[in-house]
Amino acid sequence: MKPAAPSPFLRVPEAEWVCANGLCFAIYDSYPVSPGHVLVITRRVVPTFFECTPAEQVALMELVGEVKALLDERLEPRPDGYNVGFNAGAAAGQTVPHVHVHVIPRYTGDMGDPRGGVRHVIPGKGNYLAGWPAEGAPEKGASHEWHKVKAIKLAPPRVASSRNAVLS
């Protein structure tokens, strides 16, 4: 996904930023999913998280933590949880070709059954625990269709030669 036009995020004046670091800044979402919905954005226009430099990826996540702390401090009532994520590419729903991470405050009762969280991006795939008790564990003798799930064979982890770290 290539940037087609100047990023609309760069039009937001610094005075309206929630917070910032050397590589990223945060703004309130113009179309919030919930009160306090914030976007954490790279200063450099980069289409998706995967085209960011490692330093930009770290800076994005550091600012996500700072945003969460600020929202916990400023929002009343304080959020009960958060959804944090990004869309990478048009097929994933990205509409602005400038990487941005959504930090969405969540509250108990803001939807009927939030189990599955971000899995709800594909209708019918969100709550894989549907039919189970709210705690998420099957009741004794409960039947579920897990027996139909086929095992996925994963390749063994690769070992990075420079750091001898496991990459999966």
C-alpha atoms as a PDB file:
ATOM      1  CA  MET A   1       0.000   0.000   0.000  1.00  0.00           C
ATOM      2  CA  LYS A   2       1.637   3.199  -1.201  1.00  0.00           C
ATOM      3  CA  PRO A   3       0.757   6.622   0.164  1.00  0.00           C
ATOM      4  CA  ALA A   4      -1.437   8.188  -2.555  1.00  0.00           C
ATOM      5  CA  ALA A   5      -1.636  11.670  -1.056  1.00  0.00           C
ATOM      6  CA  PRO A   6      -0.188  13.549   1.880  1.00  0.00           C
ATOM      7  CA  SER A   7      -1.159  11.895   5.142  1.00  0.00           C
ATOM      8  CA  PRO A   8      -4.175  13.497   6.840  1.00  0.00           C
ATOM      9  CA  PHE A   9      -2.497  12.758  10.168  1.00  0.00           C
ATOM     10  CA  LEU A  10       0.254  15.265   9.380  1.00  0.00           C
ATOM     11  CA  ARG A  11      -2.350  18.048   9.216  1.00  0.00           C
ATOM     12  CA  VAL A  12      -3.087  17.710  12.938  1.00  0.00           C
ATOM     13  CA  PRO A  13      -1.249  20.529  14.750  1.00  0.00           C
ATOM     14  CA  GLU A  14       1.218  19.521  17.468  1.00  0.00           C
ATOM     15  CA  ALA A  15      -0.894  21.449  19.985  1.00  0.00           C
ATOM     16  CA  GLU A  16      -3.600  18.778  19.506  1.00  0.00           C
ATOM     17  CA  TRP A  17      -1.278  15.796  20.015  1.00  0.00           C
ATOM     18  CA  VAL A  18      -1.962  13.658  23.081  1.00  0.00           C
ATOM     19  CA  CYS A  19       1.759  12.907  23.458  1.00  0.00           C
ATOM     20  CA  ALA A  20       4.814  12.207  21.324  1.00  0.00           C
ATOM     21  CA  ASN A  21       8.322  10.801  21.231  1.00  0.00           C
ATOM     22  CA  GLY A  22      11.161  11.268  18.739  1.00  0.00           C
ATOM     23  CA  LEU A  23       9.663   9.021  16.047  1.00  0.00           C
ATOM     24  CA  CYS A  24       5.908   9.003  16.723  1.00  0.00           C
ATOM     25  CA  PHE A  25       2.974  11.060  17.933  1.00  0.00           C
ATOM     26  CA  ALA A  26      -0.527  10.304  19.234  1.00  0.00           C
ATOM     27  CA  ILE A  27      -3.845  11.975  18.413  1.00  0.00           C
ATOM     28  CA  TYR A  28      -7.474  11.362  19.256  1.00  0.00           C
ATOM     29  CA  ASP A  29      -9.259   9.399  16.519  1.00  0.00           C
ATOM     30  CA  SER A  30     -11.653  11.571  14.476  1.00  0.00           C
ATOM     31  CA  TYR A  31     -14.085   8.616  14.307  1.00  0.00           C
ATOM     32  CA  PRO A  32     -13.743   7.071  17.784  1.00  0.00           C
ATOM     33  CA  VAL A  33     -15.008   3.599  18.567  1.00  0.00           C
ATOM     34  CA  SER A  34     -15.193   4.614  22.240  1.00  0.00           C
ATOM     35  CA  PRO A  35     -14.395   7.757  24.257  1.00  0.00           C
ATOM     36  CA  GLY A  36     -10.628   8.235  24.411  1.00  0.00           C
ATOM     37  CA  HIS A  37      -9.856   6.252  21.206  1.00  0.00           C
ATOM     38  CA  VAL A  38      -6.315   7.305  20.240  1.00  0.00           C
ATOM     39  CA  LEU A  39      -4.114   6.703  17.186  1.00  0.00           C
ATOM     40  CA  VAL A  40      -0.341   6.336  17.595  1.00  0.00           C
ATOM     41  CA  ILE A  41       1.352   7.349  14.331  1.00  0.00           C
ATOM     42  CA  THR A  42       4.880   7.460  12.954  1.00  0.00           C
ATOM     43  CA  ARG A  43       6.225  10.928  12.126  1.00  0.00           C
ATOM     44  CA  ARG A  44       7.630   9.511   8.887  1.00  0.00           C
ATOM     45  CA  VAL A  45       4.941   8.455   6.412  1.00  0.00           C
ATOM     46  CA  VAL A  46       5.235   4.679   6.246  1.00  0.00           C
ATOM     47  CA  PRO A  47       2.405   2.572   4.773  1.00  0.00           C
ATOM     48  CA  THR A  48       2.271  -0.232   7.360  1.00  0.00           C
ATOM     49  CA  PHE A  49       3.924  -1.425  10.550  1.00  0.00           C
ATOM     50  CA  PHE A  50       5.926  -3.917   8.528  1.00  0.00           C
ATOM     51  CA  GLU A  51       7.683  -1.174   6.539  1.00  0.00           C
ATOM     52  CA  CYS A  52       8.698   0.665   9.719  1.00  0.00           C
ATOM     53  CA  THR A  53      12.278   0.549  10.881  1.00  0.00           C
ATOM     54  CA  PRO A  54      12.854  -1.514  14.033  1.00  0.00           C
ATOM     55  CA  ALA A  55      13.330   1.774  15.918  1.00  0.00           C
ATOM     56  CA  GLU A  56       9.962   3.057  14.670  1.00  0.00           C
ATOM     57  CA  GLN A  57       8.257  -0.191  15.697  1.00  0.00           C
ATOM     58  CA  VAL A  58       9.713   0.123  19.202  1.00  0.00           C
ATOM     59  CA  ALA A  59       8.772   3.817  19.386  1.00  0.00           C
ATOM     60  CA  LEU A  60       5.175   3.019  18.356  1.00  0.00           C
ATOM     61  CA  MET A  61       4.791   0.418  21.117  1.00  0.00           C
ATOM     62  CA  GLU A  62       6.467   2.638  23.721  1.00  0.00           C
ATOM     63  CA  LEU A  63       4.018   5.404  22.893  1.00  0.00           C
ATOM     64  CA  VAL A  64       1.106   2.929  23.079  1.00  0.00           C
ATOM     65  CA  GLY A  65       2.139   2.304  26.699  1.00  0.00           C
ATOM     66  CA  GLU A  66       2.334   6.027  27.413  1.00  0.00           C
ATOM     67  CA  VAL A  67      -1.094   6.613  25.829  1.00  0.00           C
ATOM     68  CA  LYS A  68      -2.611   3.820  27.933  1.00  0.00           C
ATOM     69  CA  ALA A  69      -1.182   5.359  31.122  1.00  0.00           C
ATOM     70  CA  LEU A  70      -2.512   8.816  30.175  1.00  0.00           C
ATOM     71  CA  LEU A  71      -5.972   7.467  29.375  1.00  0.00           C
ATOM     72  CA  ASP A  72      -6.071   5.536  32.653  1.00  0.00           C
ATOM     73  CA  GLU A  73      -5.255   8.784  34.428  1.00  0.00           C
ATOM     74  CA  ARG A  74      -7.609  11.080  32.478  1.00  0.00           C
ATOM     75  CA  LEU A  75     -10.718   9.052  31.636  1.00  0.00           C
ATOM     76  CA  GLU A  76     -13.582   8.821  34.092  1.00  0.00           C
ATOM     77  CA  PRO A  77     -14.569   6.137  34.544  1.00  0.00           C
ATOM     78  CA  ARG A  78     -11.203   4.474  34.097  1.00  0.00           C
ATOM     79  CA  PRO A  79     -11.259   1.886  31.276  1.00  0.00           C
ATOM     80  CA  ASP A  80     -11.654  -1.772  32.266  1.00  0.00           C
ATOM     81  CA  GLY A  81      -9.540  -2.926  29.319  1.00  0.00           C
ATOM     82  CA  TYR A  82      -8.106  -1.963  25.940  1.00  0.00           C
ATOM     83  CA  ASN A  83      -8.014  -3.188  22.365  1.00  0.00           C
ATOM     84  CA  VAL A  84      -4.728  -2.284  20.672  1.00  0.00           C
ATOM     85  CA  GLY A  85      -4.007  -2.999  17.038  1.00  0.00           C
ATOM     86  CA  PHE A  86      -3.375  -1.921  13.484  1.00  0.00           C
ATOM     87  CA  ASN A  87      -4.621  -2.760  10.006  1.00  0.00           C
ATOM     88  CA  ALA A  88      -1.824  -3.534   7.518  1.00  0.00           C
ATOM     89  CA  GLY A  89      -2.972  -3.185   3.919  1.00  0.00           C
ATOM     90  CA  ALA A  90      -6.284  -2.630   2.182  1.00  0.00           C
ATOM     91  CA  ALA A  91      -7.289  -6.307   2.543  1.00  0.00           C
ATOM     92  CA  ALA A  92      -7.016  -5.867   6.317  1.00  0.00           C
ATOM     93  CA  GLY A  93      -9.187  -2.750   6.266  1.00  0.00           C
ATOM     94  CA  GLN A  94      -6.505  -0.052   6.261  1.00  0.00           C
ATOM     95  CA  THR A  95      -7.912   3.137   4.728  1.00  0.00           C
ATOM     96  CA  VAL A  96      -5.118   5.635   5.448  1.00  0.00           C
ATOM     97  CA  PRO A  97      -1.760   4.496   4.024  1.00  0.00           C
ATOM     98  CA  HIS A  98       0.214   5.844   6.987  1.00  0.00           C
ATOM     99  CA  VAL A  99       0.838   3.365   9.800  1.00  0.00           C
ATOM    100  CA  HIS A 100      -1.216   4.013  12.915  1.00  0.00           C
ATOM    101  CA  VAL A 101      -1.908   1.889  15.981  1.00  0.00           C
ATOM    102  CA  HIS A 102      -5.382   2.100  17.515  1.00  0.00           C
ATOM    103  CA  VAL A 103      -5.589   2.304  21.317  1.00  0.00           C
ATOM    104  CA  ILE A 104      -9.263   1.731  22.140  1.00  0.00           C
ATOM    105  CA  PRO A 105     -10.489   1.978  25.736  1.00  0.00           C
ATOM    106  CA  ARG A 106     -13.034  -0.697  26.645  1.00  0.00           C
ATOM    107  CA  TYR A 107     -15.577  -0.898  29.431  1.00  0.00           C
ATOM    108  CA  THR A 108     -17.399  -3.785  31.012  1.00  0.00           C
ATOM    109  CA  GLY A 109     -20.810  -3.912  29.337  1.00  0.00           C
ATOM    110  CA  ASP A 110     -19.888  -1.826  26.259  1.00  0.00           C
ATOM    111  CA  MET A 111     -20.971  -4.828  24.181  1.00  0.00           C
ATOM    112  CA  GLY A 112     -22.891  -7.958  25.007  1.00  0.00           C
ATOM    113  CA  ASP A 113     -20.062 -10.510  24.855  1.00  0.00           C
ATOM    114  CA  PRO A 114     -16.609  -9.128  24.116  1.00  0.00           C
ATOM    115  CA  ARG A 115     -14.847 -12.502  24.141  1.00  0.00           C
ATOM    116  CA  GLY A 116     -12.720 -12.809  21.033  1.00  0.00           C
ATOM    117  CA  GLY A 117     -11.827  -9.093  20.983  1.00  0.00           C
ATOM    118  CA  VAL A 118     -10.004  -8.216  17.770  1.00  0.00           C
ATOM    119  CA  ARG A 119     -10.997 -11.557  16.266  1.00  0.00           C
ATOM    120  CA  HIS A 120     -14.342  -9.913  15.439  1.00  0.00           C
ATOM    121  CA  VAL A 121     -12.786  -8.267  12.367  1.00  0.00           C
ATOM    122  CA  ILE A 122     -13.997 -11.272  10.372  1.00  0.00           C
ATOM    123  CA  PRO A 123     -17.730 -11.817  10.985  1.00  0.00           C
ATOM    124  CA  GLY A 124     -18.502 -15.099  12.667  1.00  0.00           C
ATOM    125  CA  LYS A 125     -14.886 -15.711  13.716  1.00  0.00           C
ATOM    126  CA  GLY A 126     -14.722 -13.484  16.779  1.00  0.00           C
ATOM    127  CA  ASN A 127     -16.103 -15.491  19.641  1.00  0.00           C
ATOM    128  CA  TYR A 128     -14.667 -18.967  19.346  1.00  0.00           C
ATOM    129  CA  LEU A 129     -15.950 -19.525  22.890  1.00  0.00           C
ATOM    130  CA  ALA A 130     -19.616 -18.990  21.956  1.00  0.00           C
ATOM    131  CA  GLY A 131     -21.744 -21.478  23.812  1.00  0.00           C
ATOM    132  CA  TRP A 132     -19.262 -21.798  26.669  1.00  0.00           C
ATOM    133  CA  PRO A 133     -19.872 -20.171  30.044  1.00  0.00           C
ATOM    134  CA  ALA A 134     -18.690 -16.562  30.422  1.00  0.00           C
ATOM    135  CA  GLU A 135     -15.527 -17.698  32.230  1.00  0.00           C
ATOM    136  CA  GLY A 136     -14.405 -19.241  28.944  1.00  0.00           C
ATOM    137  CA  ALA A 137     -13.951 -22.819  30.116  1.00  0.00           C
ATOM    138  CA  PRO A 138     -16.128 -25.683  28.949  1.00  0.00           C
ATOM    139  CA  GLU A 139     -18.510 -27.150  31.484  1.00  0.00           C
ATOM    140  CA  LYS A 140     -17.970 -30.760  32.458  1.00  0.00           C
ATOM    141  CA  GLY A 141     -19.438 -32.945  29.752  1.00  0.00           C
ATOM    142  CA  ALA A 142     -19.915 -29.992  27.381  1.00  0.00           C
ATOM    143  CA  SER A 143     -19.415 -30.765  23.757  1.00  0.00           C
ATOM    144  CA  HIS A 144     -17.636 -28.456  21.404  1.00  0.00           C
ATOM    145  CA  GLU A 145     -16.398 -29.026  17.904  1.00  0.00           C
ATOM    146  CA  TRP A 146     -12.697 -28.799  18.740  1.00  0.00           C
ATOM    147  CA  HIS A 147     -12.330 -32.388  17.567  1.00  0.00           C
ATOM    148  CA  LYS A 148     -12.886 -31.105  14.021  1.00  0.00           C
ATOM    149  CA  VAL A 149      -9.880 -28.796  14.192  1.00  0.00           C
ATOM    150  CA  LYS A 150      -6.989 -30.197  12.211  1.00  0.00           C
ATOM    151  CA  ALA A 151      -3.493 -29.836  13.561  1.00  0.00           C
ATOM    152  CA  ILE A 152      -1.321 -27.283  11.827  1.00  0.00           C
ATOM    153  CA  LYS A 153       2.211 -28.427  11.198  1.00  0.00           C
ATOM    154  CA  LEU A 154       4.611 -25.603  11.961  1.00  0.00           C
ATOM    155  CA  ALA A 155       8.122 -25.385  10.646  1.00  0.00           C
ATOM    156  CA  PRO A 156      10.822 -25.564  13.322  1.00  0.00           C
ATOM    157  CA  PRO A 157      11.960 -22.155  14.571  1.00  0.00           C
ATOM    158  CA  ARG A 158      14.774 -20.493  12.653  1.00  0.00           C
ATOM    159  CA  VAL A 159      17.883 -19.508  14.542  1.00  0.00           C
ATOM    160  CA  ALA A 160      19.358 -16.094  13.830  1.00  0.00           C
ATOM    161  CA  SER A 161      23.058 -16.499  13.205  1.00  0.00           C
ATOM    162  CA  SER A 162      24.076 -13.007  14.372  1.00  0.00           C
ATOM    163  CA  ARG A 163      22.451 -13.097  17.785  1.00  0.00           C
ATOM    164  CA  ASN A 164      21.749 -16.802  18.152  1.00  0.00           C
ATOM    165  CA  ALA A 165      18.152 -15.838  19.015  1.00  0.00           C
ATOM    166  CA  VAL A 166      15.180 -17.997  18.111  1.00  0.00           C
ATOM    167  CA  LEU A 167      12.897 -16.477  15.491  1.00  0.00           C
ATOM    168  CA  SER A 168       9.450 -17.940  15.037  1.00  0.00           C
END
